[in-house]
């Protein structure tokens, strides 16, 4: 795990060849892939070193591995508590190893695309949509990413989602559309966009 956190892919490769743990290696269930995601999101790879995420994938690390608390590498990456200047690079690498961009990352049905809207991560939202994230996937309460963007006044996200075929007529369990939410919060420009 230390080799992963410190970004030493050559050392990690030797350890993996010796059958080092790939799954829940610590008491909290944190896996080397979780550690690699944190590393790659916060720091660029060392000079001459390959992606640790890719190295772990070659060793057959499960991109959907969960900690004891149910946190996947993707949900850890999308967390606002992670100071991640290289988050989009780590996201790209996770998607490349087949992390499921539509699988809920929280118990309430939150998906990665919801998290990008909530945390204002437009680059990551565009990457998720480009890589087959469902723009209409909803929380357990029926809230889709477009509902979140409209209620937050996040016009760039509204445009991105609509351009990615988000359905503006989808309703939450309480029967509200994105237009209803934009109107309720006084976002006139978003109302206009949703009525086009």
C-alpha atoms as a PDB file:
ATOM      1  CA  UNK A   1       0.000   0.000   0.000  1.00  0.00           C
ATOM      2  CA  UNK A   2       2.860   2.411   0.781  1.00  0.00           C
ATOM      3  CA  UNK A   3       4.364   1.868  -2.685  1.00  0.00           C
ATOM      4  CA  UNK A   4       0.990   2.774  -4.195  1.00  0.00           C
ATOM      5  CA  UNK A   5       0.512   5.893  -2.060  1.00  0.00           C
ATOM      6  CA  UNK A   6       4.042   7.064  -2.783  1.00  0.00           C
ATOM      7  CA  UNK A   7       3.667   6.402  -6.510  1.00  0.00           C
ATOM      8  CA  UNK A   8       6.428   3.838  -6.899  1.00  0.00           C
ATOM      9  CA  UNK A   9       5.053   1.728  -9.733  1.00  0.00           C
ATOM     10  CA  UNK A  10       8.218  -0.343 -10.109  1.00  0.00           C
ATOM     11  CA  UNK A  11       8.079  -1.413  -6.463  1.00  0.00           C
ATOM     12  CA  UNK A  12       4.322  -1.992  -6.671  1.00  0.00           C
ATOM     13  CA  UNK A  13       4.847  -4.161  -9.756  1.00  0.00           C
ATOM     14  CA  UNK A  14       7.331  -6.381  -7.892  1.00  0.00           C
ATOM     15  CA  UNK A  15       4.922  -6.671  -4.975  1.00  0.00           C
ATOM     16  CA  UNK A  16       2.027  -7.540  -7.285  1.00  0.00           C
ATOM     17  CA  UNK A  17       4.130 -10.214  -8.989  1.00  0.00           C
ATOM     18  CA  UNK A  18       4.680 -11.655  -5.502  1.00  0.00           C
ATOM     19  CA  UNK A  19       0.881 -11.778  -5.088  1.00  0.00           C
ATOM     20  CA  UNK A  20       0.432  -8.732  -2.848  1.00  0.00           C
ATOM     21  CA  UNK A  21      -3.110  -8.010  -1.681  1.00  0.00           C
ATOM     22  CA  UNK A  22      -5.405  -6.400  -4.275  1.00  0.00           C
ATOM     23  CA  UNK A  23      -8.660  -6.263  -2.357  1.00  0.00           C
ATOM     24  CA  UNK A  24      -9.477  -4.983   1.095  1.00  0.00           C
ATOM     25  CA  UNK A  25      -6.008  -4.951   2.580  1.00  0.00           C
ATOM     26  CA  UNK A  26      -6.572  -2.794   5.640  1.00  0.00           C
ATOM     27  CA  UNK A  27      -9.014  -3.132   8.528  1.00  0.00           C
ATOM     28  CA  UNK A  28     -11.197  -0.384   7.020  1.00  0.00           C
ATOM     29  CA  UNK A  29     -11.284  -2.224   3.696  1.00  0.00           C
ATOM     30  CA  UNK A  30      -9.191   0.307   1.804  1.00  0.00           C
ATOM     31  CA  UNK A  31      -7.661  -1.359  -1.238  1.00  0.00           C
ATOM     32  CA  UNK A  32      -4.559  -0.460  -3.239  1.00  0.00           C
ATOM     33  CA  UNK A  33      -6.905   0.857  -5.948  1.00  0.00           C
ATOM     34  CA  UNK A  34      -8.457   3.312  -3.472  1.00  0.00           C
ATOM     35  CA  UNK A  35      -4.952   4.454  -2.562  1.00  0.00           C
ATOM     36  CA  UNK A  36      -3.981   4.763  -6.238  1.00  0.00           C
ATOM     37  CA  UNK A  37      -7.038   6.903  -6.954  1.00  0.00           C
ATOM     38  CA  UNK A  38      -6.151   9.246  -4.090  1.00  0.00           C
ATOM     39  CA  UNK A  39      -2.559   9.427  -5.285  1.00  0.00           C
ATOM     40  CA  UNK A  40      -3.368  10.083  -8.941  1.00  0.00           C
ATOM     41  CA  UNK A  41      -6.066  12.632  -8.108  1.00  0.00           C
ATOM     42  CA  UNK A  42      -3.776  14.687  -5.926  1.00  0.00           C
ATOM     43  CA  UNK A  43      -0.326  14.308  -7.506  1.00  0.00           C
ATOM     44  CA  UNK A  44       0.934  13.766 -11.052  1.00  0.00           C
ATOM     45  CA  UNK A  45       2.780  10.468 -11.699  1.00  0.00           C
ATOM     46  CA  UNK A  46       6.476  10.446 -10.870  1.00  0.00           C
ATOM     47  CA  UNK A  47       8.723  11.017 -13.890  1.00  0.00           C
ATOM     48  CA  UNK A  48       8.983   7.805 -15.868  1.00  0.00           C
ATOM     49  CA  UNK A  49       6.260   6.084 -13.840  1.00  0.00           C
ATOM     50  CA  UNK A  50       3.066   4.712 -15.381  1.00  0.00           C
ATOM     51  CA  UNK A  51      -0.433   5.059 -13.978  1.00  0.00           C
ATOM     52  CA  UNK A  52      -0.761   3.076 -10.758  1.00  0.00           C
ATOM     53  CA  UNK A  53      -4.452   2.596 -11.552  1.00  0.00           C
ATOM     54  CA  UNK A  54      -3.525   0.948 -14.864  1.00  0.00           C
ATOM     55  CA  UNK A  55      -0.876  -1.191 -13.176  1.00  0.00           C
ATOM     56  CA  UNK A  56      -3.389  -2.449 -10.615  1.00  0.00           C
ATOM     57  CA  UNK A  57      -5.896  -3.162 -13.384  1.00  0.00           C
ATOM     58  CA  UNK A  58      -3.301  -5.285 -15.181  1.00  0.00           C
ATOM     59  CA  UNK A  59      -2.999  -7.271 -11.948  1.00  0.00           C
ATOM     60  CA  UNK A  60      -6.805  -7.702 -12.047  1.00  0.00           C
ATOM     61  CA  UNK A  61      -7.782  -5.252  -9.331  1.00  0.00           C
ATOM     62  CA  UNK A  62     -11.566  -4.912  -9.183  1.00  0.00           C
ATOM     63  CA  UNK A  63     -12.600  -1.339 -10.156  1.00  0.00           C
ATOM     64  CA  UNK A  64     -15.795  -1.794  -8.110  1.00  0.00           C
ATOM     65  CA  UNK A  65     -14.092  -2.946  -4.875  1.00  0.00           C
ATOM     66  CA  UNK A  66     -15.767  -1.400  -1.824  1.00  0.00           C
ATOM     67  CA  UNK A  67     -14.465  -0.529   1.617  1.00  0.00           C
ATOM     68  CA  UNK A  68     -16.305  -1.882   4.656  1.00  0.00           C
ATOM     69  CA  UNK A  69     -18.357   1.333   4.541  1.00  0.00           C
ATOM     70  CA  UNK A  70     -19.323   0.692   0.905  1.00  0.00           C
ATOM     71  CA  UNK A  71     -17.023   3.297  -0.671  1.00  0.00           C
ATOM     72  CA  UNK A  72     -15.780   2.445  -4.158  1.00  0.00           C
ATOM     73  CA  UNK A  73     -12.693   4.034  -5.736  1.00  0.00           C
ATOM     74  CA  UNK A  74     -15.026   6.088  -7.948  1.00  0.00           C
ATOM     75  CA  UNK A  75     -17.107   7.326  -4.994  1.00  0.00           C
ATOM     76  CA  UNK A  76     -13.908   8.239  -3.136  1.00  0.00           C
ATOM     77  CA  UNK A  77     -12.722  10.195  -6.172  1.00  0.00           C
ATOM     78  CA  UNK A  78     -16.014  12.080  -6.506  1.00  0.00           C
ATOM     79  CA  UNK A  79     -16.038  13.050  -2.812  1.00  0.00           C
ATOM     80  CA  UNK A  80     -15.756  16.766  -2.125  1.00  0.00           C
ATOM     81  CA  UNK A  81     -13.403  16.036   0.766  1.00  0.00           C
ATOM     82  CA  UNK A  82     -10.657  15.024  -1.654  1.00  0.00           C
ATOM     83  CA  UNK A  83      -8.456  17.971  -2.682  1.00  0.00           C
ATOM     84  CA  UNK A  84      -7.869  16.718  -6.199  1.00  0.00           C
ATOM     85  CA  UNK A  85      -6.186  18.958  -8.768  1.00  0.00           C
ATOM     86  CA  UNK A  86      -5.726  15.905 -11.016  1.00  0.00           C
ATOM     87  CA  UNK A  87      -9.198  14.421 -10.427  1.00  0.00           C
ATOM     88  CA  UNK A  88     -10.051  14.295 -14.141  1.00  0.00           C
ATOM     89  CA  UNK A  89      -6.891  12.274 -14.900  1.00  0.00           C
ATOM     90  CA  UNK A  90      -7.711   9.764 -12.179  1.00  0.00           C
ATOM     91  CA  UNK A  91     -11.317   9.610 -13.402  1.00  0.00           C
ATOM     92  CA  UNK A  92     -10.151   8.951 -16.955  1.00  0.00           C
ATOM     93  CA  UNK A  93      -7.889   6.153 -15.692  1.00  0.00           C
ATOM     94  CA  UNK A  94     -10.704   4.607 -13.624  1.00  0.00           C
ATOM     95  CA  UNK A  95     -13.073   4.679 -16.582  1.00  0.00           C
ATOM     96  CA  UNK A  96     -10.379   3.094 -18.740  1.00  0.00           C
ATOM     97  CA  UNK A  97     -10.281   0.118 -16.383  1.00  0.00           C
ATOM     98  CA  UNK A  98     -14.071  -0.263 -16.635  1.00  0.00           C
ATOM     99  CA  UNK A  99     -15.315   1.470 -13.489  1.00  0.00           C
ATOM    100  CA  UNK A 100     -19.105   1.613 -13.866  1.00  0.00           C
ATOM    101  CA  UNK A 101     -20.000   5.285 -14.419  1.00  0.00           C
ATOM    102  CA  UNK A 102     -23.699   4.567 -13.841  1.00  0.00           C
ATOM    103  CA  UNK A 103     -23.441   2.544 -10.629  1.00  0.00           C
ATOM    104  CA  UNK A 104     -24.609   4.391  -7.504  1.00  0.00           C
ATOM    105  CA  UNK A 105     -21.786   5.712  -5.349  1.00  0.00           C
ATOM    106  CA  UNK A 106     -23.967   6.326  -2.303  1.00  0.00           C
ATOM    107  CA  UNK A 107     -26.828   4.578  -0.563  1.00  0.00           C
ATOM    108  CA  UNK A 108     -29.419   7.085  -1.797  1.00  0.00           C
ATOM    109  CA  UNK A 109     -28.792   6.287  -5.461  1.00  0.00           C
ATOM    110  CA  UNK A 110     -26.341   9.139  -6.064  1.00  0.00           C
ATOM    111  CA  UNK A 111     -24.335   8.429  -9.186  1.00  0.00           C
ATOM    112  CA  UNK A 112     -21.027   9.977 -10.280  1.00  0.00           C
ATOM    113  CA  UNK A 113     -22.815  12.458 -12.555  1.00  0.00           C
ATOM    114  CA  UNK A 114     -24.900  13.739  -9.617  1.00  0.00           C
ATOM    115  CA  UNK A 115     -21.684  14.276  -7.659  1.00  0.00           C
ATOM    116  CA  UNK A 116     -20.136  16.317 -10.477  1.00  0.00           C
ATOM    117  CA  UNK A 117     -23.116  18.685 -10.476  1.00  0.00           C
ATOM    118  CA  UNK A 118     -23.161  18.883  -6.681  1.00  0.00           C
ATOM    119  CA  UNK A 119     -19.427  19.652  -6.464  1.00  0.00           C
ATOM    120  CA  UNK A 120     -19.243  21.838  -9.611  1.00  0.00           C
ATOM    121  CA  UNK A 121     -16.943  19.476 -11.521  1.00  0.00           C
ATOM    122  CA  UNK A 122     -17.759  20.368 -15.144  1.00  0.00           C
ATOM    123  CA  UNK A 123     -14.694  18.739 -16.726  1.00  0.00           C
ATOM    124  CA  UNK A 124     -15.466  15.491 -14.935  1.00  0.00           C
ATOM    125  CA  UNK A 125     -19.165  15.726 -15.881  1.00  0.00           C
ATOM    126  CA  UNK A 126     -18.246  16.102 -19.546  1.00  0.00           C
ATOM    127  CA  UNK A 127     -15.884  13.128 -19.301  1.00  0.00           C
ATOM    128  CA  UNK A 128     -18.541  10.959 -17.652  1.00  0.00           C
ATOM    129  CA  UNK A 129     -21.102  11.885 -20.312  1.00  0.00           C
ATOM    130  CA  UNK A 130     -18.577  11.270 -23.070  1.00  0.00           C
ATOM    131  CA  UNK A 131     -17.955   7.832 -21.576  1.00  0.00           C
ATOM    132  CA  UNK A 132     -21.627   6.735 -21.417  1.00  0.00           C
ATOM    133  CA  UNK A 133     -22.916   8.110 -18.124  1.00  0.00           C
ATOM    134  CA  UNK A 134     -26.721   8.180 -18.253  1.00  0.00           C
ATOM    135  CA  UNK A 135     -27.806  11.851 -18.034  1.00  0.00           C
ATOM    136  CA  UNK A 136     -31.243  10.725 -16.815  1.00  0.00           C
ATOM    137  CA  UNK A 137     -30.175   8.317 -14.063  1.00  0.00           C
ATOM    138  CA  UNK A 138     -31.948   9.354 -10.888  1.00  0.00           C
ATOM    139  CA  UNK A 139     -31.469   9.264  -7.123  1.00  0.00           C
ATOM    140  CA  UNK A 140     -33.861   7.051  -5.208  1.00  0.00           C
ATOM    141  CA  UNK A 141     -36.148  10.109  -4.909  1.00  0.00           C
ATOM    142  CA  UNK A 142     -36.234  10.548  -8.688  1.00  0.00           C
ATOM    143  CA  UNK A 143     -33.828  13.493  -8.785  1.00  0.00           C
ATOM    144  CA  UNK A 144     -31.802  13.432 -11.999  1.00  0.00           C
ATOM    145  CA  UNK A 145     -28.654  15.510 -12.596  1.00  0.00           C
ATOM    146  CA  UNK A 146     -30.706  18.041 -14.583  1.00  0.00           C
ATOM    147  CA  UNK A 147     -32.929  18.620 -11.538  1.00  0.00           C
ATOM    148  CA  UNK A 148     -29.838  19.335  -9.424  1.00  0.00           C
ATOM    149  CA  UNK A 149     -28.355  21.697 -12.011  1.00  0.00           C
ATOM    150  CA  UNK A 150     -31.632  23.578 -12.489  1.00  0.00           C
ATOM    151  CA  UNK A 151     -32.265  24.001  -8.763  1.00  0.00           C
ATOM    152  CA  UNK A 152     -28.680  25.207  -8.193  1.00  0.00           C
ATOM    153  CA  UNK A 153     -28.746  27.703 -11.047  1.00  0.00           C
ATOM    154  CA  UNK A 154     -25.872  25.887 -12.732  1.00  0.00           C
ATOM    155  CA  UNK A 155     -26.489  26.992 -16.324  1.00  0.00           C
ATOM    156  CA  UNK A 156     -23.312  25.403 -17.765  1.00  0.00           C
ATOM    157  CA  UNK A 157     -24.397  22.033 -16.358  1.00  0.00           C
ATOM    158  CA  UNK A 158     -27.937  22.485 -17.676  1.00  0.00           C
ATOM    159  CA  UNK A 159     -26.516  23.117 -21.156  1.00  0.00           C
ATOM    160  CA  UNK A 160     -24.079  20.200 -20.915  1.00  0.00           C
ATOM    161  CA  UNK A 161     -26.815  17.817 -19.774  1.00  0.00           C
ATOM    162  CA  UNK A 162     -29.349  18.961 -22.370  1.00  0.00           C
ATOM    163  CA  UNK A 163     -26.713  18.660 -25.097  1.00  0.00           C
ATOM    164  CA  UNK A 164     -26.108  15.116 -23.831  1.00  0.00           C
ATOM    165  CA  UNK A 165     -29.782  14.197 -24.226  1.00  0.00           C
ATOM    166  CA  UNK A 166     -31.008  14.750 -20.685  1.00  0.00           C
ATOM    167  CA  UNK A 167     -34.793  14.572 -20.657  1.00  0.00           C
ATOM    168  CA  UNK A 168     -36.249  17.839 -19.332  1.00  0.00           C
ATOM    169  CA  UNK A 169     -39.666  16.212 -18.847  1.00  0.00           C
ATOM    170  CA  UNK A 170     -38.470  13.694 -16.216  1.00  0.00           C
ATOM    171  CA  UNK A 171     -40.101  14.282 -12.846  1.00  0.00           C
ATOM    172  CA  UNK A 172     -38.932  13.665  -9.308  1.00  0.00           C
ATOM    173  CA  UNK A 173     -41.042  11.501  -7.010  1.00  0.00           C
ATOM    174  CA  UNK A 174     -42.748  14.710  -5.889  1.00  0.00           C
ATOM    175  CA  UNK A 175     -43.691  15.429  -9.516  1.00  0.00           C
ATOM    176  CA  UNK A 176     -41.301  18.303 -10.221  1.00  0.00           C
ATOM    177  CA  UNK A 177     -39.488  18.796 -13.507  1.00  0.00           C
ATOM    178  CA  UNK A 178     -36.203  20.676 -13.873  1.00  0.00           C
ATOM    179  CA  UNK A 179     -38.238  23.621 -15.182  1.00  0.00           C
ATOM    180  CA  UNK A 180     -40.365  23.612 -12.019  1.00  0.00           C
ATOM    181  CA  UNK A 181     -37.223  23.687  -9.886  1.00  0.00           C
ATOM    182  CA  UNK A 182     -35.591  26.491 -11.883  1.00  0.00           C
ATOM    183  CA  UNK A 183     -38.805  28.519 -11.611  1.00  0.00           C
ATOM    184  CA  UNK A 184     -39.088  27.787  -7.862  1.00  0.00           C
ATOM    185  CA  UNK A 185     -35.552  29.083  -7.276  1.00  0.00           C
ATOM    186  CA  UNK A 186     -35.883  32.080  -9.590  1.00  0.00           C
ATOM    187  CA  UNK A 187     -33.414  31.070 -12.292  1.00  0.00           C
ATOM    188  CA  UNK A 188     -35.048  32.763 -15.279  1.00  0.00           C
ATOM    189  CA  UNK A 189     -32.275  32.056 -17.815  1.00  0.00           C
ATOM    190  CA  UNK A 190     -32.441  28.360 -16.981  1.00  0.00           C
ATOM    191  CA  UNK A 191     -36.241  28.440 -17.263  1.00  0.00           C
ATOM    192  CA  UNK A 192     -35.844  29.897 -20.750  1.00  0.00           C
ATOM    193  CA  UNK A 193     -33.285  27.263 -21.737  1.00  0.00           C
ATOM    194  CA  UNK A 194     -35.475  24.421 -20.478  1.00  0.00           C
ATOM    195  CA  UNK A 195     -38.466  25.735 -22.422  1.00  0.00           C
ATOM    196  CA  UNK A 196     -36.608  25.684 -25.754  1.00  0.00           C
END
